PDB file of all heavy atoms in Angstrom:
ATOM      1  N   PRO A   1      15.191 -11.841  -1.960  1.00  0.00           N
ATOM      2  CA  PRO A   1      16.629 -12.023  -1.778  1.00  0.00           C
ATOM      3  C   PRO A   1      17.380 -10.698  -1.931  1.00  0.00           C
ATOM      4  O   PRO A   1      18.560 -10.587  -1.474  1.00  0.00           O
ATOM      5  CB  PRO A   1      17.024 -12.972  -2.913  1.00  0.00           C
ATOM      6  CG  PRO A   1      15.729 -13.659  -3.312  1.00  0.00           C
ATOM      7  CD  PRO A   1      14.655 -12.673  -3.061  1.00  0.00           C
ATOM      8  N   TRP A   2      16.810  -9.676  -2.534  1.00  0.00           N
ATOM      9  CA  TRP A   2      17.425  -8.366  -2.724  1.00  0.00           C
ATOM     10  C   TRP A   2      16.934  -7.270  -1.806  1.00  0.00           C
ATOM     11  O   TRP A   2      16.982  -6.109  -2.094  1.00  0.00           O
ATOM     12  CB  TRP A   2      17.219  -7.944  -4.178  1.00  0.00           C
ATOM     13  CG  TRP A   2      17.708  -8.939  -5.174  1.00  0.00           C
ATOM     14  CD1 TRP A   2      19.024  -9.085  -5.615  1.00  0.00           C
ATOM     15  CD2 TRP A   2      16.939  -9.953  -5.854  1.00  0.00           C
ATOM     16  NE1 TRP A   2      19.040 -10.089  -6.584  1.00  0.00           N
ATOM     17  CE2 TRP A   2      17.752 -10.670  -6.675  1.00  0.00           C
ATOM     18  CE3 TRP A   2      15.554 -10.300  -5.801  1.00  0.00           C
ATOM     19  CZ2 TRP A   2      17.375 -11.748  -7.471  1.00  0.00           C
ATOM     20  CZ3 TRP A   2      15.163 -11.395  -6.598  1.00  0.00           C
ATOM     21  CH2 TRP A   2      16.078 -12.070  -7.369  1.00  0.00           C
ATOM     22  N   GLU A   3      16.316  -7.666  -0.678  1.00  0.00           N
ATOM     23  CA  GLU A   3      15.601  -6.682   0.224  1.00  0.00           C
ATOM     24  C   GLU A   3      16.547  -5.648   0.665  1.00  0.00           C
ATOM     25  O   GLU A   3      16.082  -4.453   0.870  1.00  0.00           O
ATOM     26  CB  GLU A   3      15.001  -7.463   1.407  1.00  0.00           C
ATOM     27  CG  GLU A   3      14.138  -6.605   2.283  1.00  0.00           C
ATOM     28  CD  GLU A   3      12.881  -6.059   1.687  1.00  0.00           C
ATOM     29  OE1 GLU A   3      12.398  -6.626   0.687  1.00  0.00           O
ATOM     30  OE2 GLU A   3      12.283  -5.128   2.232  1.00  0.00           O
ATOM     31  N   SER A   4      17.791  -5.906   0.952  1.00  0.00           N
ATOM     32  CA  SER A   4      18.700  -4.950   1.487  1.00  0.00           C
ATOM     33  C   SER A   4      19.016  -3.798   0.548  1.00  0.00           C
ATOM     34  O   SER A   4      19.235  -2.668   0.907  1.00  0.00           O
ATOM     35  CB  SER A   4      19.992  -5.608   1.949  1.00  0.00           C
ATOM     36  OG  SER A   4      20.677  -6.281   0.859  1.00  0.00           O
ATOM     37  N   THR A   5      18.994  -4.146  -0.758  1.00  0.00           N
ATOM     38  CA  THR A   5      19.343  -3.086  -1.801  1.00  0.00           C
ATOM     39  C   THR A   5      18.176  -2.667  -2.600  1.00  0.00           C
ATOM     40  O   THR A   5      18.033  -1.558  -3.042  1.00  0.00           O
ATOM     41  CB  THR A   5      20.438  -3.699  -2.787  1.00  0.00           C
ATOM     42  OG1 THR A   5      19.978  -4.862  -3.294  1.00  0.00           O
ATOM     43  CG2 THR A   5      21.749  -3.880  -2.030  1.00  0.00           C
ATOM     44  N   ASP A   6      17.198  -3.650  -2.828  1.00  0.00           N
ATOM     45  CA  ASP A   6      16.009  -3.300  -3.648  1.00  0.00           C
ATOM     46  C   ASP A   6      14.753  -3.809  -2.876  1.00  0.00           C
ATOM     47  O   ASP A   6      14.237  -4.917  -3.230  1.00  0.00           O
ATOM     48  CB  ASP A   6      16.177  -4.038  -5.005  1.00  0.00           C
ATOM     49  CG  ASP A   6      17.351  -3.570  -5.753  1.00  0.00           C
ATOM     50  OD1 ASP A   6      17.236  -2.517  -6.459  1.00  0.00           O
ATOM     51  OD2 ASP A   6      18.435  -4.251  -5.673  1.00  0.00           O
ATOM     52  N   PRO A   7      14.267  -3.104  -1.896  1.00  0.00           N
ATOM     53  CA  PRO A   7      13.145  -3.581  -1.104  1.00  0.00           C
ATOM     54  C   PRO A   7      11.834  -3.503  -1.890  1.00  0.00           C
ATOM     55  O   PRO A   7      11.700  -2.750  -2.868  1.00  0.00           O
ATOM     56  CB  PRO A   7      13.138  -2.644   0.084  1.00  0.00           C
ATOM     57  CG  PRO A   7      13.707  -1.345  -0.516  1.00  0.00           C
ATOM     58  CD  PRO A   7      14.780  -1.805  -1.464  1.00  0.00           C
ATOM     59  N   VAL A   8      10.902  -4.295  -1.494  1.00  0.00           N
ATOM     60  CA  VAL A   8       9.487  -4.183  -1.962  1.00  0.00           C
ATOM     61  C   VAL A   8       8.849  -3.050  -1.338  1.00  0.00           C
ATOM     62  O   VAL A   8       8.771  -2.896  -0.075  1.00  0.00           O
ATOM     63  CB  VAL A   8       8.700  -5.516  -1.734  1.00  0.00           C
ATOM     64  CG1 VAL A   8       7.246  -5.329  -2.166  1.00  0.00           C
ATOM     65  CG2 VAL A   8       9.331  -6.666  -2.399  1.00  0.00           C
ATOM     66  N   ARG A   9       8.332  -2.095  -2.107  1.00  0.00           N
ATOM     67  CA  ARG A   9       7.674  -0.873  -1.649  1.00  0.00           C
ATOM     68  C   ARG A   9       6.203  -0.864  -2.074  1.00  0.00           C
ATOM     69  O   ARG A   9       5.800  -1.654  -2.895  1.00  0.00           O
ATOM     70  CB  ARG A   9       8.391   0.429  -2.185  1.00  0.00           C
ATOM     71  CG  ARG A   9       9.883   0.428  -1.766  1.00  0.00           C
ATOM     72  CD  ARG A   9      10.540   1.681  -2.350  1.00  0.00           C
ATOM     73  NE  ARG A   9      12.007   1.699  -2.133  1.00  0.00           N
ATOM     74  CZ  ARG A   9      12.580   2.167  -1.069  1.00  0.00           C
ATOM     75  NH1 ARG A   9      11.828   2.659  -0.052  1.00  0.00           N
ATOM     76  NH2 ARG A   9      13.887   2.137  -0.902  1.00  0.00           N
ATOM     77  N   VAL A  10       5.413   0.035  -1.505  1.00  0.00           N
ATOM     78  CA  VAL A  10       3.987   0.157  -1.833  1.00  0.00           C
ATOM     79  C   VAL A  10       3.842   0.400  -3.341  1.00  0.00           C
ATOM     80  O   VAL A  10       2.975  -0.206  -3.982  1.00  0.00           O
ATOM     81  CB  VAL A  10       3.360   1.313  -1.010  1.00  0.00           C
ATOM     82  CG1 VAL A  10       1.962   1.526  -1.485  1.00  0.00           C
ATOM     83  CG2 VAL A  10       3.398   0.927   0.458  1.00  0.00           C
ATOM     84  N   VAL A  11       4.656   1.186  -3.906  1.00  0.00           N
ATOM     85  CA  VAL A  11       4.536   1.502  -5.336  1.00  0.00           C
ATOM     86  C   VAL A  11       4.753   0.280  -6.221  1.00  0.00           C
ATOM     87  O   VAL A  11       4.111   0.139  -7.259  1.00  0.00           O
ATOM     88  CB  VAL A  11       5.506   2.661  -5.761  1.00  0.00           C
ATOM     89  CG1 VAL A  11       7.010   2.211  -5.661  1.00  0.00           C
ATOM     90  CG2 VAL A  11       5.194   3.209  -7.153  1.00  0.00           C
ATOM     91  N   ASN A  12       5.586  -0.659  -5.774  1.00  0.00           N
ATOM     92  CA  ASN A  12       5.758  -1.882  -6.497  1.00  0.00           C
ATOM     93  C   ASN A  12       4.481  -2.752  -6.554  1.00  0.00           C
ATOM     94  O   ASN A  12       4.159  -3.329  -7.570  1.00  0.00           O
ATOM     95  CB  ASN A  12       6.947  -2.666  -5.888  1.00  0.00           C
ATOM     96  CG  ASN A  12       8.239  -1.963  -5.913  1.00  0.00           C
ATOM     97  OD1 ASN A  12       8.920  -1.935  -4.879  1.00  0.00           O
ATOM     98  ND2 ASN A  12       8.640  -1.457  -7.033  1.00  0.00           N
ATOM     99  N   LEU A  13       3.746  -2.759  -5.407  1.00  0.00           N
ATOM    100  CA  LEU A  13       2.523  -3.432  -5.321  1.00  0.00           C
ATOM    101  C   LEU A  13       1.498  -2.847  -6.303  1.00  0.00           C
ATOM    102  O   LEU A  13       0.763  -3.559  -7.043  1.00  0.00           O
ATOM    103  CB  LEU A  13       1.955  -3.442  -3.923  1.00  0.00           C
ATOM    104  CG  LEU A  13       2.809  -4.113  -2.874  1.00  0.00           C
ATOM    105  CD1 LEU A  13       2.336  -3.791  -1.467  1.00  0.00           C
ATOM    106  CD2 LEU A  13       2.843  -5.641  -3.058  1.00  0.00           C
ATOM    107  N   LEU A  14       1.446  -1.538  -6.346  1.00  0.00           N
ATOM    108  CA  LEU A  14       0.449  -0.841  -7.203  1.00  0.00           C
ATOM    109  C   LEU A  14       0.777  -1.048  -8.683  1.00  0.00           C
ATOM    110  O   LEU A  14      -0.082  -1.239  -9.500  1.00  0.00           O
ATOM    111  CB  LEU A  14       0.490   0.634  -6.854  1.00  0.00           C
ATOM    112  CG  LEU A  14      -0.186   1.142  -5.626  1.00  0.00           C
ATOM    113  CD1 LEU A  14       0.157   2.569  -5.303  1.00  0.00           C
ATOM    114  CD2 LEU A  14      -1.675   0.969  -5.775  1.00  0.00           C
ATOM    115  N   ASP A  15       2.114  -0.980  -9.050  1.00  0.00           N
ATOM    116  CA  ASP A  15       2.527  -1.057 -10.413  1.00  0.00           C
ATOM    117  C   ASP A  15       2.817  -2.477 -10.942  1.00  0.00           C
ATOM    118  O   ASP A  15       3.176  -2.612 -12.093  1.00  0.00           O
ATOM    119  CB  ASP A  15       3.866  -0.224 -10.595  1.00  0.00           C
ATOM    120  CG  ASP A  15       3.550   1.227 -10.492  1.00  0.00           C
ATOM    121  OD1 ASP A  15       2.395   1.659 -10.271  1.00  0.00           O
ATOM    122  OD2 ASP A  15       4.557   2.015 -10.626  1.00  0.00           O
ATOM    123  N   HIS A  16       2.694  -3.494 -10.087  1.00  0.00           N
ATOM    124  CA  HIS A  16       3.011  -4.881 -10.420  1.00  0.00           C
ATOM    125  C   HIS A  16       4.527  -5.044 -10.779  1.00  0.00           C
ATOM    126  O   HIS A  16       4.869  -5.628 -11.749  1.00  0.00           O
ATOM    127  CB  HIS A  16       2.188  -5.293 -11.612  1.00  0.00           C
ATOM    128  CG  HIS A  16       0.718  -5.371 -11.347  1.00  0.00           C
ATOM    129  ND1 HIS A  16       0.120  -6.126 -10.346  1.00  0.00           N
ATOM    130  CD2 HIS A  16      -0.349  -4.704 -11.960  1.00  0.00           C
ATOM    131  CE1 HIS A  16      -1.154  -5.980 -10.350  1.00  0.00           C
ATOM    132  NE2 HIS A  16      -1.476  -5.139 -11.273  1.00  0.00           N
ATOM    133  N   THR A  17       5.353  -4.476  -9.898  1.00  0.00           N
ATOM    134  CA  THR A  17       6.752  -4.596 -10.120  1.00  0.00           C
ATOM    135  C   THR A  17       7.426  -5.203  -8.969  1.00  0.00           C
ATOM    136  O   THR A  17       8.650  -4.967  -8.757  1.00  0.00           O
ATOM    137  CB  THR A  17       7.387  -3.228 -10.476  1.00  0.00           C
ATOM    138  OG1 THR A  17       7.103  -2.281  -9.373  1.00  0.00           O
ATOM    139  CG2 THR A  17       6.871  -2.647 -11.797  1.00  0.00           C
ATOM    140  N   THR A  18       6.734  -6.017  -8.200  1.00  0.00           N
ATOM    141  CA  THR A  18       7.337  -6.688  -7.010  1.00  0.00           C
ATOM    142  C   THR A  18       8.221  -7.921  -7.468  1.00  0.00           C
ATOM    143  O   THR A  18       9.252  -8.232  -6.808  1.00  0.00           O
ATOM    144  CB  THR A  18       6.278  -7.289  -6.085  1.00  0.00           C
ATOM    145  OG1 THR A  18       5.419  -8.161  -6.838  1.00  0.00           O
ATOM    146  CG2 THR A  18       5.486  -6.152  -5.496  1.00  0.00           C
ATOM    147  N   GLY A  19       7.928  -8.491  -8.572  1.00  0.00           N
ATOM    148  CA  GLY A  19       8.565  -9.810  -8.985  1.00  0.00           C
ATOM    149  C   GLY A  19       7.937 -11.017  -8.454  1.00  0.00           C
ATOM    150  O   GLY A  19       8.358 -12.085  -8.716  1.00  0.00           O
ATOM    151  N   PHE A  20       6.811 -10.850  -7.714  1.00  0.00           N
ATOM    152  CA  PHE A  20       6.087 -12.045  -7.212  1.00  0.00           C
ATOM    153  C   PHE A  20       5.485 -12.799  -8.316  1.00  0.00           C
ATOM    154  O   PHE A  20       5.187 -12.303  -9.370  1.00  0.00           O
ATOM    155  CB  PHE A  20       4.980 -11.604  -6.262  1.00  0.00           C
ATOM    156  CG  PHE A  20       5.426 -10.930  -4.933  1.00  0.00           C
ATOM    157  CD1 PHE A  20       4.636 -10.006  -4.251  1.00  0.00           C
ATOM    158  CD2 PHE A  20       6.710 -11.225  -4.417  1.00  0.00           C
ATOM    159  CE1 PHE A  20       5.074  -9.473  -3.070  1.00  0.00           C
ATOM    160  CE2 PHE A  20       7.132 -10.645  -3.256  1.00  0.00           C
ATOM    161  CZ  PHE A  20       6.291  -9.742  -2.556  1.00  0.00           C
ATOM    162  N   ASP A  21       5.322 -14.132  -8.077  1.00  0.00           N
ATOM    163  CA  ASP A  21       4.560 -14.949  -9.016  1.00  0.00           C
ATOM    164  C   ASP A  21       3.089 -14.630  -8.839  1.00  0.00           C
ATOM    165  O   ASP A  21       2.600 -14.135  -7.746  1.00  0.00           O
ATOM    166  CB  ASP A  21       4.765 -16.449  -8.639  1.00  0.00           C
ATOM    167  CG  ASP A  21       4.281 -17.397  -9.754  1.00  0.00           C
ATOM    168  OD1 ASP A  21       4.029 -16.913 -10.791  1.00  0.00           O
ATOM    169  OD2 ASP A  21       4.284 -18.583  -9.425  1.00  0.00           O
ATOM    170  N   ASP A  22       2.262 -14.755  -9.887  1.00  0.00           N
ATOM    171  CA  ASP A  22       0.848 -14.572  -9.790  1.00  0.00           C
ATOM    172  C   ASP A  22       0.179 -15.694  -9.003  1.00  0.00           C
ATOM    173  O   ASP A  22       0.917 -16.634  -8.626  1.00  0.00           O
ATOM    174  CB  ASP A  22       0.184 -14.383 -11.124  1.00  0.00           C
ATOM    175  CG  ASP A  22      -1.094 -13.614 -11.036  1.00  0.00           C
ATOM    176  OD1 ASP A  22      -1.575 -13.318  -9.933  1.00  0.00           O
ATOM    177  OD2 ASP A  22      -1.670 -13.242 -12.154  1.00  0.00           O
ATOM    178  N   PHE A  23      -1.064 -15.690  -8.737  1.00  0.00           N
ATOM    179  CA  PHE A  23      -1.731 -16.676  -7.920  1.00  0.00           C
ATOM    180  C   PHE A  23      -1.397 -18.089  -8.452  1.00  0.00           C
ATOM    181  O   PHE A  23      -1.341 -18.288  -9.638  1.00  0.00           O
ATOM    182  CB  PHE A  23      -3.248 -16.497  -7.900  1.00  0.00           C
ATOM    183  CG  PHE A  23      -3.895 -16.545  -9.214  1.00  0.00           C
ATOM    184  CD1 PHE A  23      -4.284 -17.677  -9.854  1.00  0.00           C
ATOM    185  CD2 PHE A  23      -4.182 -15.368  -9.951  1.00  0.00           C
ATOM    186  CE1 PHE A  23      -4.894 -17.737 -11.110  1.00  0.00           C
ATOM    187  CE2 PHE A  23      -4.749 -15.373 -11.219  1.00  0.00           C
ATOM    188  CZ  PHE A  23      -5.118 -16.585 -11.767  1.00  0.00           C
ATOM    189  N   LYS A  24      -1.213 -19.049  -7.550  1.00  0.00           N
ATOM    190  CA  LYS A  24      -1.125 -20.458  -7.952  1.00  0.00           C
ATOM    191  C   LYS A  24      -2.536 -20.793  -8.496  1.00  0.00           C
ATOM    192  O   LYS A  24      -3.564 -20.356  -7.959  1.00  0.00           O
ATOM    193  CB  LYS A  24      -0.698 -21.297  -6.782  1.00  0.00           C
ATOM    194  CG  LYS A  24       0.593 -20.880  -6.169  1.00  0.00           C
ATOM    195  CD  LYS A  24       1.742 -20.939  -7.178  1.00  0.00           C
ATOM    196  CE  LYS A  24       3.106 -20.566  -6.494  1.00  0.00           C
ATOM    197  NZ  LYS A  24       4.236 -20.549  -7.461  1.00  0.00           N
ATOM    198  N   LEU A  25      -2.545 -21.698  -9.457  1.00  0.00           N
ATOM    199  CA  LEU A  25      -3.798 -22.001 -10.106  1.00  0.00           C
ATOM    200  C   LEU A  25      -4.810 -22.726  -9.225  1.00  0.00           C
ATOM    201  O   LEU A  25      -6.003 -22.768  -9.580  1.00  0.00           O
ATOM    202  CB  LEU A  25      -3.529 -22.886 -11.331  1.00  0.00           C
ATOM    203  CG  LEU A  25      -2.672 -22.228 -12.430  1.00  0.00           C
ATOM    204  CD1 LEU A  25      -2.438 -23.185 -13.586  1.00  0.00           C
ATOM    205  CD2 LEU A  25      -3.273 -20.934 -12.928  1.00  0.00           C
ATOM    206  N   ASN A  26      -4.395 -23.216  -8.082  1.00  0.00           N
ATOM    207  CA  ASN A  26      -5.337 -23.843  -7.119  1.00  0.00           C
ATOM    208  C   ASN A  26      -5.749 -22.826  -6.037  1.00  0.00           C
ATOM    209  O   ASN A  26      -6.439 -23.178  -5.062  1.00  0.00           O
ATOM    210  CB  ASN A  26      -4.699 -25.063  -6.467  1.00  0.00           C
ATOM    211  CG  ASN A  26      -3.433 -24.743  -5.680  1.00  0.00           C
ATOM    212  OD1 ASN A  26      -2.688 -23.787  -6.071  1.00  0.00           O
ATOM    213  ND2 ASN A  26      -3.208 -25.439  -4.574  1.00  0.00           N
ATOM    214  N   ARG A  27      -5.391 -21.528  -6.216  1.00  0.00           N
ATOM    215  CA  ARG A  27      -5.681 -20.545  -5.144  1.00  0.00           C
ATOM    216  C   ARG A  27      -6.433 -19.335  -5.685  1.00  0.00           C
ATOM    217  O   ARG A  27      -6.244 -18.211  -5.237  1.00  0.00           O
ATOM    218  CB  ARG A  27      -4.402 -20.144  -4.476  1.00  0.00           C
ATOM    219  CG  ARG A  27      -3.690 -21.271  -3.719  1.00  0.00           C
ATOM    220  CD  ARG A  27      -2.325 -20.821  -3.146  1.00  0.00           C
ATOM    221  NE  ARG A  27      -1.680 -22.036  -2.562  1.00  0.00           N
ATOM    222  CZ  ARG A  27      -1.755 -22.299  -1.243  1.00  0.00           C
ATOM    223  NH1 ARG A  27      -2.349 -21.533  -0.431  1.00  0.00           N
ATOM    224  NH2 ARG A  27      -1.103 -23.356  -0.754  1.00  0.00           N
ATOM    225  N   MET A  28      -7.245 -19.593  -6.715  1.00  0.00           N
ATOM    226  CA  MET A  28      -8.022 -18.492  -7.295  1.00  0.00           C
ATOM    227  C   MET A  28      -9.561 -18.683  -7.035  1.00  0.00           C
ATOM    228  O   MET A  28     -10.244 -17.813  -6.656  1.00  0.00           O
ATOM    229  CB  MET A  28      -7.771 -18.351  -8.798  1.00  0.00           C
ATOM    230  CG  MET A  28      -8.579 -17.243  -9.438  1.00  0.00           C
ATOM    231  SD  MET A  28      -8.189 -17.110 -11.214  1.00  0.00           S
ATOM    232  CE  MET A  28      -9.159 -15.679 -11.620  1.00  0.00           C
ATOM    233  N   TYR A  29     -10.041 -19.937  -7.303  1.00  0.00           N
ATOM    234  CA  TYR A  29     -11.438 -20.206  -7.208  1.00  0.00           C
ATOM    235  C   TYR A  29     -11.694 -21.461  -6.293  1.00  0.00           C
ATOM    236  O   TYR A  29     -10.859 -22.296  -6.156  1.00  0.00           O
ATOM    237  CB  TYR A  29     -12.045 -20.538  -8.601  1.00  0.00           C
ATOM    238  CG  TYR A  29     -12.153 -19.402  -9.551  1.00  0.00           C
ATOM    239  CD1 TYR A  29     -11.626 -19.538 -10.820  1.00  0.00           C
ATOM    240  CD2 TYR A  29     -12.776 -18.272  -9.259  1.00  0.00           C
ATOM    241  CE1 TYR A  29     -11.720 -18.471 -11.751  1.00  0.00           C
ATOM    242  CE2 TYR A  29     -12.899 -17.184 -10.147  1.00  0.00           C
ATOM    243  CZ  TYR A  29     -12.358 -17.375 -11.384  1.00  0.00           C
ATOM    244  OH  TYR A  29     -12.500 -16.298 -12.322  1.00  0.00           O
ATOM    245  N   SER A  30     -12.944 -21.431  -5.742  1.00  0.00           N
ATOM    246  CA  SER A  30     -13.419 -22.568  -5.051  1.00  0.00           C
ATOM    247  C   SER A  30     -14.922 -22.612  -5.201  1.00  0.00           C
ATOM    248  O   SER A  30     -15.558 -21.577  -5.342  1.00  0.00           O
ATOM    249  CB  SER A  30     -13.040 -22.387  -3.551  1.00  0.00           C
ATOM    250  OG  SER A  30     -13.714 -23.447  -2.764  1.00  0.00           O
ATOM    251  N   LEU A  31     -15.507 -23.842  -5.136  1.00  0.00           N
ATOM    252  CA  LEU A  31     -16.978 -23.903  -5.195  1.00  0.00           C
ATOM    253  C   LEU A  31     -17.577 -23.819  -3.750  1.00  0.00           C
ATOM    254  O   LEU A  31     -18.725 -23.653  -3.583  1.00  0.00           O
ATOM    255  CB  LEU A  31     -17.422 -25.245  -5.834  1.00  0.00           C
ATOM    256  CG  LEU A  31     -17.293 -25.341  -7.356  1.00  0.00           C
ATOM    257  CD1 LEU A  31     -17.853 -26.579  -7.886  1.00  0.00           C
ATOM    258  CD2 LEU A  31     -17.941 -24.135  -7.995  1.00  0.00           C
ATOM    259  N   ALA A  32     -16.737 -23.912  -2.761  1.00  0.00           N
ATOM    260  CA  ALA A  32     -17.167 -23.762  -1.359  1.00  0.00           C
ATOM    261  C   ALA A  32     -17.537 -22.275  -1.110  1.00  0.00           C
ATOM    262  O   ALA A  32     -16.879 -21.373  -1.421  1.00  0.00           O
ATOM    263  CB  ALA A  32     -16.122 -24.191  -0.403  1.00  0.00           C
ATOM    264  N   ARG A  33     -18.764 -22.157  -0.520  1.00  0.00           N
ATOM    265  CA  ARG A  33     -19.286 -20.821  -0.159  1.00  0.00           C
ATOM    266  C   ARG A  33     -18.624 -20.387   1.156  1.00  0.00           C
ATOM    267  O   ARG A  33     -19.224 -20.470   2.209  1.00  0.00           O
ATOM    268  CB  ARG A  33     -20.846 -20.814  -0.071  1.00  0.00           C
ATOM    269  CG  ARG A  33     -21.467 -21.062  -1.425  1.00  0.00           C
ATOM    270  CD  ARG A  33     -21.188 -19.804  -2.323  1.00  0.00           C
ATOM    271  NE  ARG A  33     -21.865 -19.851  -3.576  1.00  0.00           N
ATOM    272  CZ  ARG A  33     -21.295 -20.117  -4.710  1.00  0.00           C
ATOM    273  NH1 ARG A  33     -20.008 -20.405  -4.783  1.00  0.00           N
ATOM    274  NH2 ARG A  33     -22.026 -20.063  -5.824  1.00  0.00           N
ATOM    275  N   THR A  34     -17.394 -19.926   1.034  1.00  0.00           N
ATOM    276  CA  THR A  34     -16.609 -19.531   2.227  1.00  0.00           C
ATOM    277  C   THR A  34     -16.250 -18.045   2.108  1.00  0.00           C
ATOM    278  O   THR A  34     -15.812 -17.535   1.086  1.00  0.00           O
ATOM    279  CB  THR A  34     -15.331 -20.402   2.283  1.00  0.00           C
ATOM    280  OG1 THR A  34     -15.645 -21.731   2.253  1.00  0.00           O
ATOM    281  CG2 THR A  34     -14.630 -20.066   3.582  1.00  0.00           C
ATOM    282  N   ASP A  35     -16.443 -17.317   3.215  1.00  0.00           N
ATOM    283  CA  ASP A  35     -15.965 -15.934   3.318  1.00  0.00           C
ATOM    284  C   ASP A  35     -14.679 -15.877   4.084  1.00  0.00           C
ATOM    285  O   ASP A  35     -14.480 -16.554   5.071  1.00  0.00           O
ATOM    286  CB  ASP A  35     -17.059 -15.103   4.017  1.00  0.00           C
ATOM    287  CG  ASP A  35     -18.252 -14.873   3.158  1.00  0.00           C
ATOM    288  OD1 ASP A  35     -18.182 -14.373   2.011  1.00  0.00           O
ATOM    289  OD2 ASP A  35     -19.382 -15.241   3.590  1.00  0.00           O
TER     290      ASP A  35
END
């Protein structure tokens, strides 16, 4: 929502300062052998 004044930059991804939520608990592991 703040992209015009405070955009997400590469450094934010590296430093964990994007403000994104971490993985949803159903999107980390699976028993299916899928690549």
